[in-house]
Amino acid sequence: MAQAIKLDKKPKALKVGIVPCNGEEICEGTLTRFACRKVLDELRPGQTVTLCLPLFIAGDEKERNFANRFPTITVDGCEKRCSQISTEKLSGKPAYSLVVSDVLQKHGISLSDTRRVLTDEGQEAVNVLAQEIAKRVDEILAG
């Protein structure tokens, strides 16, 4: 008769969900979306997926099921923390919650109020934010 083996820790996550802010009214919201795409497409392809915050809030089963089964990282453009609060209410506490202004301040980067076009300063901010997100993905996947 086969015996069940009890694991001391949860099995490693296969993928990490990133829940980006959709704040169109602030430049940090734009940076959030660009940085998340960079992580998904360039830095950690195959290891990450993005969750659509509006669909997630509206009750999309696919989005919510993923967030219930896999660890998430929320990335918010401002202190309102819409992604973090929504994720906590609908699927549980995110593994990590980042706020763009905190990350940029940590790296000594300040922004102009450009929302639609990325300046050189904005591209630097995207790269720094994407690296911070990728670092958190690595921490989650390392277990």
N, C-alpha and C. Protein backbone atom coordinates (compact mmCIF):
# COMPACT_ATOMS: atom_id res chain seq x y z
N MET A 1 0.82 -1.17 0.00
CA MET A 1 0.00 0.00 0.00
C MET A 1 0.88 1.24 0.00
N ALA A 2 0.61 2.14 -0.95
CA ALA A 2 1.41 3.36 -1.08
C ALA A 2 1.10 4.34 0.04
N GLN A 3 2.15 4.97 0.54
CA GLN A 3 1.99 5.96 1.59
C GLN A 3 2.11 7.36 0.99
N ALA A 4 1.31 8.28 1.51
CA ALA A 4 1.42 9.67 1.08
C ALA A 4 2.68 10.28 1.69
N ILE A 5 3.36 11.06 0.90
CA ILE A 5 4.56 11.74 1.36
C ILE A 5 4.19 13.18 1.70
N LYS A 6 4.48 13.59 2.92
CA LYS A 6 4.17 14.95 3.33
C LYS A 6 5.37 15.84 3.00
N LEU A 7 5.11 16.91 2.25
CA LEU A 7 6.17 17.85 1.90
C LEU A 7 6.31 18.89 3.00
N ASP A 8 7.55 19.26 3.31
CA ASP A 8 7.78 20.28 4.33
C ASP A 8 7.44 21.68 3.83
N LYS A 9 7.49 21.87 2.55
CA LYS A 9 7.13 23.17 1.99
C LYS A 9 6.31 22.96 0.73
N LYS A 10 5.66 24.02 0.30
CA LYS A 10 4.85 23.95 -0.91
C LYS A 10 5.74 23.67 -2.11
N PRO A 11 5.21 22.98 -3.12
CA PRO A 11 6.00 22.78 -4.33
C PRO A 11 6.31 24.14 -4.97
N LYS A 12 7.40 24.20 -5.68
CA LYS A 12 7.78 25.45 -6.33
C LYS A 12 6.73 25.87 -7.35
N ALA A 13 6.53 27.18 -7.43
CA ALA A 13 5.59 27.73 -8.41
C ALA A 13 6.17 27.56 -9.81
N LEU A 14 5.31 27.26 -10.76
CA LEU A 14 5.75 27.14 -12.14
C LEU A 14 5.70 28.48 -12.86
N LYS A 15 4.76 29.31 -12.44
CA LYS A 15 4.60 30.63 -13.04
C LYS A 15 4.23 31.62 -11.95
N VAL A 16 4.50 32.89 -12.25
CA VAL A 16 4.16 33.98 -11.34
C VAL A 16 3.26 34.93 -12.10
N GLY A 17 2.15 35.32 -11.47
CA GLY A 17 1.24 36.29 -12.07
C GLY A 17 1.62 37.70 -11.66
N ILE A 18 1.63 38.60 -12.62
CA ILE A 18 1.90 40.01 -12.35
C ILE A 18 0.62 40.78 -12.60
N VAL A 19 0.19 41.53 -11.59
CA VAL A 19 -1.04 42.31 -11.67
C VAL A 19 -0.66 43.79 -11.73
N PRO A 20 -0.57 44.36 -12.95
CA PRO A 20 -0.15 45.75 -13.07
C PRO A 20 -1.31 46.73 -12.89
N CYS A 21 -0.97 47.88 -12.41
CA CYS A 21 -1.89 49.01 -12.31
C CYS A 21 -2.31 49.44 -13.71
N ASN A 22 -3.49 49.97 -13.83
CA ASN A 22 -3.95 50.49 -15.13
C ASN A 22 -4.14 52.00 -15.06
N GLY A 23 -3.43 52.67 -14.18
CA GLY A 23 -3.60 54.11 -13.95
C GLY A 23 -3.16 54.97 -15.12
N GLU A 24 -4.07 55.20 -16.03
CA GLU A 24 -3.78 56.03 -17.21
C GLU A 24 -3.53 57.49 -16.87
N GLU A 25 -4.05 57.94 -15.72
CA GLU A 25 -3.98 59.36 -15.40
C GLU A 25 -2.61 59.79 -14.87
N ILE A 26 -1.74 58.83 -14.55
CA ILE A 26 -0.42 59.18 -14.01
C ILE A 26 0.68 58.50 -14.82
N CYS A 27 1.83 59.15 -14.88
CA CYS A 27 2.93 58.57 -15.66
C CYS A 27 3.41 57.25 -15.06
N GLU A 28 3.29 57.08 -13.74
CA GLU A 28 3.71 55.84 -13.11
C GLU A 28 2.86 54.65 -13.57
N GLY A 29 1.59 54.89 -13.89
CA GLY A 29 0.75 53.82 -14.42
C GLY A 29 1.26 53.34 -15.77
N THR A 30 1.68 54.28 -16.60
CA THR A 30 2.26 53.94 -17.90
C THR A 30 3.55 53.14 -17.70
N LEU A 31 4.39 53.58 -16.78
CA LEU A 31 5.64 52.86 -16.50
C LEU A 31 5.37 51.44 -16.02
N THR A 32 4.34 51.29 -15.22
CA THR A 32 3.98 49.97 -14.71
C THR A 32 3.70 49.01 -15.85
N ARG A 33 2.89 49.45 -16.79
CA ARG A 33 2.53 48.57 -17.90
C ARG A 33 3.74 48.25 -18.79
N PHE A 34 4.58 49.25 -19.08
CA PHE A 34 5.77 49.00 -19.90
C PHE A 34 6.74 48.04 -19.18
N ALA A 35 6.94 48.25 -17.88
CA ALA A 35 7.87 47.39 -17.13
C ALA A 35 7.35 45.95 -17.06
N CYS A 36 6.06 45.79 -16.85
CA CYS A 36 5.50 44.43 -16.81
C CYS A 36 5.66 43.72 -18.14
N ARG A 37 5.43 44.42 -19.23
CA ARG A 37 5.62 43.82 -20.56
C ARG A 37 7.08 43.42 -20.76
N LYS A 38 8.00 44.25 -20.29
CA LYS A 38 9.42 43.93 -20.43
C LYS A 38 9.75 42.64 -19.67
N VAL A 39 9.19 42.49 -18.48
CA VAL A 39 9.42 41.27 -17.71
C VAL A 39 8.83 40.07 -18.45
N LEU A 40 7.60 40.20 -18.91
CA LEU A 40 6.92 39.10 -19.60
C LEU A 40 7.61 38.70 -20.90
N ASP A 41 8.03 39.69 -21.68
CA ASP A 41 8.56 39.42 -23.03
C ASP A 41 10.06 39.20 -23.09
N GLU A 42 10.82 39.85 -22.19
CA GLU A 42 12.28 39.82 -22.30
C GLU A 42 13.00 39.20 -21.10
N LEU A 43 12.61 39.60 -19.90
CA LEU A 43 13.39 39.20 -18.73
C LEU A 43 13.02 37.83 -18.17
N ARG A 44 11.71 37.52 -18.12
CA ARG A 44 11.27 36.23 -17.57
C ARG A 44 10.16 35.62 -18.42
N PRO A 45 10.40 35.48 -19.73
CA PRO A 45 9.36 34.86 -20.57
C PRO A 45 9.16 33.40 -20.17
N GLY A 46 7.92 32.96 -20.21
CA GLY A 46 7.60 31.59 -19.84
C GLY A 46 7.48 31.37 -18.34
N GLN A 47 7.97 32.30 -17.55
CA GLN A 47 7.89 32.18 -16.10
C GLN A 47 6.82 33.09 -15.52
N THR A 48 6.35 34.03 -16.31
CA THR A 48 5.40 35.02 -15.82
C THR A 48 4.22 35.17 -16.76
N VAL A 49 3.10 35.58 -16.19
CA VAL A 49 1.92 35.95 -16.97
C VAL A 49 1.39 37.24 -16.37
N THR A 50 0.65 37.98 -17.16
CA THR A 50 0.04 39.18 -16.62
C THR A 50 -1.44 38.92 -16.39
N LEU A 51 -1.96 39.50 -15.33
CA LEU A 51 -3.38 39.42 -15.04
C LEU A 51 -3.98 40.79 -15.33
N CYS A 52 -5.08 40.80 -16.04
CA CYS A 52 -5.76 42.04 -16.40
C CYS A 52 -6.57 42.51 -15.20
N LEU A 53 -6.17 43.62 -14.60
CA LEU A 53 -6.85 44.10 -13.40
C LEU A 53 -8.34 44.35 -13.62
N PRO A 54 -8.75 45.03 -14.70
CA PRO A 54 -10.20 45.22 -14.88
C PRO A 54 -10.97 43.91 -15.01
N LEU A 55 -10.44 42.94 -15.75
CA LEU A 55 -11.11 41.64 -15.86
C LEU A 55 -11.15 40.92 -14.51
N PHE A 56 -10.05 40.99 -13.82
CA PHE A 56 -9.93 40.37 -12.50
C PHE A 56 -11.01 40.91 -11.57
N ILE A 57 -11.14 42.24 -11.53
CA ILE A 57 -12.14 42.88 -10.67
C ILE A 57 -13.56 42.55 -11.13
N ALA A 58 -13.76 42.48 -12.45
CA ALA A 58 -15.09 42.22 -13.00
C ALA A 58 -15.56 40.78 -12.80
N GLY A 59 -14.66 39.91 -12.34
CA GLY A 59 -15.08 38.54 -12.03
C GLY A 59 -14.68 37.49 -13.03
N ASP A 60 -13.74 37.81 -13.92
CA ASP A 60 -13.30 36.82 -14.90
C ASP A 60 -12.72 35.59 -14.18
N GLU A 61 -13.31 34.43 -14.44
CA GLU A 61 -12.90 33.20 -13.77
C GLU A 61 -11.46 32.81 -14.04
N LYS A 62 -11.01 32.97 -15.28
CA LYS A 62 -9.65 32.59 -15.64
C LYS A 62 -8.63 33.41 -14.84
N GLU A 63 -8.85 34.72 -14.76
CA GLU A 63 -7.93 35.59 -14.02
C GLU A 63 -7.92 35.23 -12.54
N ARG A 64 -9.10 35.08 -11.97
CA ARG A 64 -9.20 34.79 -10.54
C ARG A 64 -8.66 33.40 -10.19
N ASN A 65 -8.94 32.41 -11.02
CA ASN A 65 -8.43 31.06 -10.77
C ASN A 65 -6.91 31.04 -10.78
N PHE A 66 -6.31 31.75 -11.73
CA PHE A 66 -4.85 31.80 -11.77
C PHE A 66 -4.32 32.40 -10.47
N ALA A 67 -4.88 33.54 -10.07
CA ALA A 67 -4.42 34.23 -8.86
C ALA A 67 -4.65 33.42 -7.60
N ASN A 68 -5.62 32.54 -7.62
CA ASN A 68 -5.87 31.66 -6.47
C ASN A 68 -4.88 30.51 -6.40
N ARG A 69 -4.38 30.08 -7.55
CA ARG A 69 -3.49 28.91 -7.61
C ARG A 69 -2.01 29.23 -7.60
N PHE A 70 -1.65 30.42 -8.10
CA PHE A 70 -0.24 30.78 -8.26
C PHE A 70 0.08 32.07 -7.52
N PRO A 71 1.35 32.26 -7.17
CA PRO A 71 1.73 33.50 -6.49
C PRO A 71 1.62 34.69 -7.44
N THR A 72 1.33 35.84 -6.85
CA THR A 72 1.21 37.07 -7.65
C THR A 72 2.11 38.17 -7.10
N ILE A 73 2.44 39.08 -8.00
CA ILE A 73 3.15 40.31 -7.66
C ILE A 73 2.26 41.45 -8.15
N THR A 74 1.89 42.36 -7.26
CA THR A 74 1.13 43.52 -7.70
C THR A 74 2.09 44.67 -7.90
N VAL A 75 1.83 45.45 -8.94
CA VAL A 75 2.67 46.62 -9.25
C VAL A 75 1.74 47.80 -9.41
N ASP A 76 1.80 48.71 -8.44
CA ASP A 76 0.91 49.86 -8.43
C ASP A 76 1.67 51.14 -8.77
N GLY A 77 0.98 52.01 -9.50
CA GLY A 77 1.56 53.29 -9.88
C GLY A 77 1.55 54.30 -8.76
N CYS A 78 0.63 54.18 -7.81
CA CYS A 78 0.52 55.17 -6.74
C CYS A 78 0.14 54.52 -5.42
N GLU A 79 0.06 55.33 -4.40
CA GLU A 79 -0.24 54.85 -3.05
C GLU A 79 -1.68 54.37 -2.87
N LYS A 80 -2.54 54.55 -3.87
CA LYS A 80 -3.90 54.01 -3.75
C LYS A 80 -3.89 52.49 -3.74
N ARG A 81 -2.86 51.91 -4.35
CA ARG A 81 -2.63 50.46 -4.36
C ARG A 81 -3.84 49.65 -4.84
N CYS A 82 -4.42 50.07 -5.94
CA CYS A 82 -5.61 49.39 -6.49
C CYS A 82 -5.34 47.91 -6.80
N SER A 83 -4.19 47.62 -7.39
CA SER A 83 -3.87 46.22 -7.71
C SER A 83 -3.72 45.38 -6.45
N GLN A 84 -2.99 45.89 -5.49
CA GLN A 84 -2.77 45.15 -4.25
C GLN A 84 -4.07 44.92 -3.50
N ILE A 85 -4.86 45.96 -3.33
CA ILE A 85 -6.11 45.84 -2.57
C ILE A 85 -7.08 44.88 -3.26
N SER A 86 -7.20 45.01 -4.58
CA SER A 86 -8.10 44.12 -5.32
C SER A 86 -7.65 42.67 -5.24
N THR A 87 -6.37 42.45 -5.38
CA THR A 87 -5.84 41.08 -5.31
C THR A 87 -6.08 40.48 -3.93
N GLU A 88 -5.83 41.27 -2.89
CA GLU A 88 -6.05 40.76 -1.52
C GLU A 88 -7.52 40.41 -1.30
N LYS A 89 -8.42 41.23 -1.80
CA LYS A 89 -9.85 40.97 -1.60
C LYS A 89 -10.35 39.78 -2.41
N LEU A 90 -9.81 39.59 -3.61
CA LEU A 90 -10.37 38.60 -4.52
C LEU A 90 -9.63 37.27 -4.56
N SER A 91 -8.37 37.24 -4.13
CA SER A 91 -7.66 35.96 -4.21
C SER A 91 -6.64 35.74 -3.10
N GLY A 92 -6.43 36.68 -2.25
CA GLY A 92 -5.46 36.51 -1.18
C GLY A 92 -4.28 37.45 -1.32
N LYS A 93 -3.45 37.43 -0.31
CA LYS A 93 -2.30 38.34 -0.24
C LYS A 93 -1.29 38.03 -1.34
N PRO A 94 -0.86 39.07 -2.09
CA PRO A 94 0.17 38.86 -3.10
C PRO A 94 1.50 38.45 -2.45
N ALA A 95 2.32 37.74 -3.18
CA ALA A 95 3.65 37.39 -2.68
C ALA A 95 4.48 38.65 -2.47
N TYR A 96 4.36 39.61 -3.37
CA TYR A 96 5.03 40.90 -3.28
C TYR A 96 4.11 41.97 -3.81
N SER A 97 4.23 43.16 -3.23
CA SER A 97 3.49 44.33 -3.71
C SER A 97 4.48 45.47 -3.88
N LEU A 98 4.58 45.96 -5.09
CA LEU A 98 5.50 47.06 -5.39
C LEU A 98 4.71 48.32 -5.73
N VAL A 99 5.22 49.46 -5.30
CA VAL A 99 4.67 50.76 -5.68
C VAL A 99 5.77 51.49 -6.46
N VAL A 100 5.45 51.93 -7.66
CA VAL A 100 6.44 52.51 -8.57
C VAL A 100 7.23 53.63 -7.90
N SER A 101 6.53 54.55 -7.26
CA SER A 101 7.23 55.69 -6.66
C SER A 101 8.26 55.24 -5.61
N ASP A 102 7.95 54.20 -4.85
CA ASP A 102 8.89 53.68 -3.85
C ASP A 102 10.12 53.08 -4.52
N VAL A 103 9.91 52.32 -5.57
CA VAL A 103 11.03 51.69 -6.29
C VAL A 103 11.93 52.76 -6.90
N LEU A 104 11.32 53.75 -7.55
CA LEU A 104 12.12 54.79 -8.20
C LEU A 104 12.87 55.64 -7.18
N GLN A 105 12.23 55.93 -6.07
CA GLN A 105 12.88 56.71 -5.02
C GLN A 105 14.10 55.96 -4.49
N LYS A 106 13.95 54.67 -4.30
CA LYS A 106 15.04 53.81 -3.82
C LYS A 106 16.26 53.90 -4.75
N HIS A 107 15.98 54.08 -6.05
CA HIS A 107 17.06 54.14 -7.05
C HIS A 107 17.43 55.57 -7.45
N GLY A 108 16.86 56.54 -6.75
CA GLY A 108 17.20 57.94 -7.01
C GLY A 108 16.70 58.47 -8.34
N ILE A 109 15.58 57.96 -8.82
CA ILE A 109 15.03 58.39 -10.11
C ILE A 109 13.78 59.23 -9.85
N SER A 110 13.74 60.40 -10.48
CA SER A 110 12.52 61.21 -10.42
C SER A 110 11.99 61.35 -11.84
N LEU A 111 10.68 61.58 -11.95
CA LEU A 111 10.04 61.59 -13.26
C LEU A 111 9.40 62.93 -13.58
N SER A 112 9.36 63.23 -14.86
CA SER A 112 8.52 64.33 -15.32
C SER A 112 7.12 63.73 -15.47
N ASP A 113 6.17 64.52 -15.84
CA ASP A 113 4.78 64.03 -15.90
C ASP A 113 4.39 63.59 -17.30
N THR A 114 5.26 62.84 -17.99
CA THR A 114 4.96 62.37 -19.33
C THR A 114 4.18 61.06 -19.24
N ARG A 115 2.97 61.04 -19.79
CA ARG A 115 2.12 59.86 -19.66
C ARG A 115 2.11 58.98 -20.91
N ARG A 116 2.29 59.55 -22.05
CA ARG A 116 2.10 58.79 -23.30
C ARG A 116 3.39 58.39 -24.00
N VAL A 117 4.43 59.23 -23.89
CA VAL A 117 5.68 58.99 -24.61
C VAL A 117 6.79 58.77 -23.59
N LEU A 118 7.55 57.73 -23.78
CA LEU A 118 8.65 57.47 -22.87
C LEU A 118 9.87 58.30 -23.26
N THR A 119 10.33 59.14 -22.36
CA THR A 119 11.57 59.87 -22.54
C THR A 119 12.71 58.94 -22.16
N ASP A 120 13.95 59.40 -22.31
CA ASP A 120 15.09 58.60 -21.86
C ASP A 120 14.98 58.32 -20.37
N GLU A 121 14.55 59.34 -19.62
CA GLU A 121 14.34 59.20 -18.18
C GLU A 121 13.27 58.13 -17.89
N GLY A 122 12.20 58.16 -18.66
CA GLY A 122 11.13 57.18 -18.50
C GLY A 122 11.59 55.77 -18.84
N GLN A 123 12.41 55.63 -19.87
CA GLN A 123 12.93 54.31 -20.25
C GLN A 123 13.84 53.76 -19.17
N GLU A 124 14.66 54.63 -18.57
CA GLU A 124 15.50 54.20 -17.45
C GLU A 124 14.63 53.70 -16.30
N ALA A 125 13.55 54.42 -16.02
CA ALA A 125 12.63 54.02 -14.96
C ALA A 125 11.98 52.67 -15.26
N VAL A 126 11.59 52.45 -16.51
CA VAL A 126 11.02 51.16 -16.92
C VAL A 126 12.02 50.04 -16.66
N ASN A 127 13.26 50.26 -17.06
CA ASN A 127 14.29 49.23 -16.88
C ASN A 127 14.52 48.90 -15.40
N VAL A 128 14.59 49.93 -14.57
CA VAL A 128 14.80 49.72 -13.13
C VAL A 128 13.61 48.98 -12.53
N LEU A 129 12.41 49.40 -12.86
CA LEU A 129 11.21 48.75 -12.33
C LEU A 129 11.12 47.30 -12.81
N ALA A 130 11.41 47.06 -14.08
CA ALA A 130 11.37 45.70 -14.62
C ALA A 130 12.38 44.80 -13.90
N GLN A 131 13.55 45.32 -13.60
CA GLN A 131 14.55 44.54 -12.87
C GLN A 131 14.08 44.20 -11.46
N GLU A 132 13.40 45.14 -10.82
CA GLU A 132 12.85 44.89 -9.47
C GLU A 132 11.79 43.79 -9.52
N ILE A 133 10.93 43.85 -10.53
CA ILE A 133 9.89 42.82 -10.67
C ILE A 133 10.55 41.46 -10.93
N ALA A 134 11.51 41.42 -11.85
CA ALA A 134 12.20 40.17 -12.18
C ALA A 134 12.90 39.58 -10.95
N LYS A 135 13.46 40.44 -10.12
CA LYS A 135 14.12 39.98 -8.89
C LYS A 135 13.11 39.27 -7.98
N ARG A 136 11.91 39.84 -7.87
CA ARG A 136 10.87 39.22 -7.03
C ARG A 136 10.39 37.90 -7.64
N VAL A 137 10.29 37.84 -8.96
CA VAL A 137 9.92 36.59 -9.64
C VAL A 137 10.94 35.51 -9.30
N ASP A 138 12.22 35.86 -9.38
CA ASP A 138 13.29 34.90 -9.07
C ASP A 138 13.18 34.40 -7.63
N GLU A 139 12.88 35.31 -6.70
CA GLU A 139 12.75 34.93 -5.29
C GLU A 139 11.60 33.94 -5.09
N ILE A 140 10.49 34.20 -5.77
CA ILE A 140 9.33 33.31 -5.67
C ILE A 140 9.65 31.94 -6.25
N LEU A 141 10.23 31.93 -7.44
CA LEU A 141 10.52 30.66 -8.11
C LEU A 141 11.60 29.85 -7.41
N ALA A 142 12.48 30.53 -6.69
CA ALA A 142 13.53 29.83 -5.94
C ALA A 142 12.96 29.10 -4.74
N GLY A 143 11.75 29.52 -4.32
CA GLY A 143 11.07 28.84 -3.23
C GLY A 143 11.54 29.32 -1.92
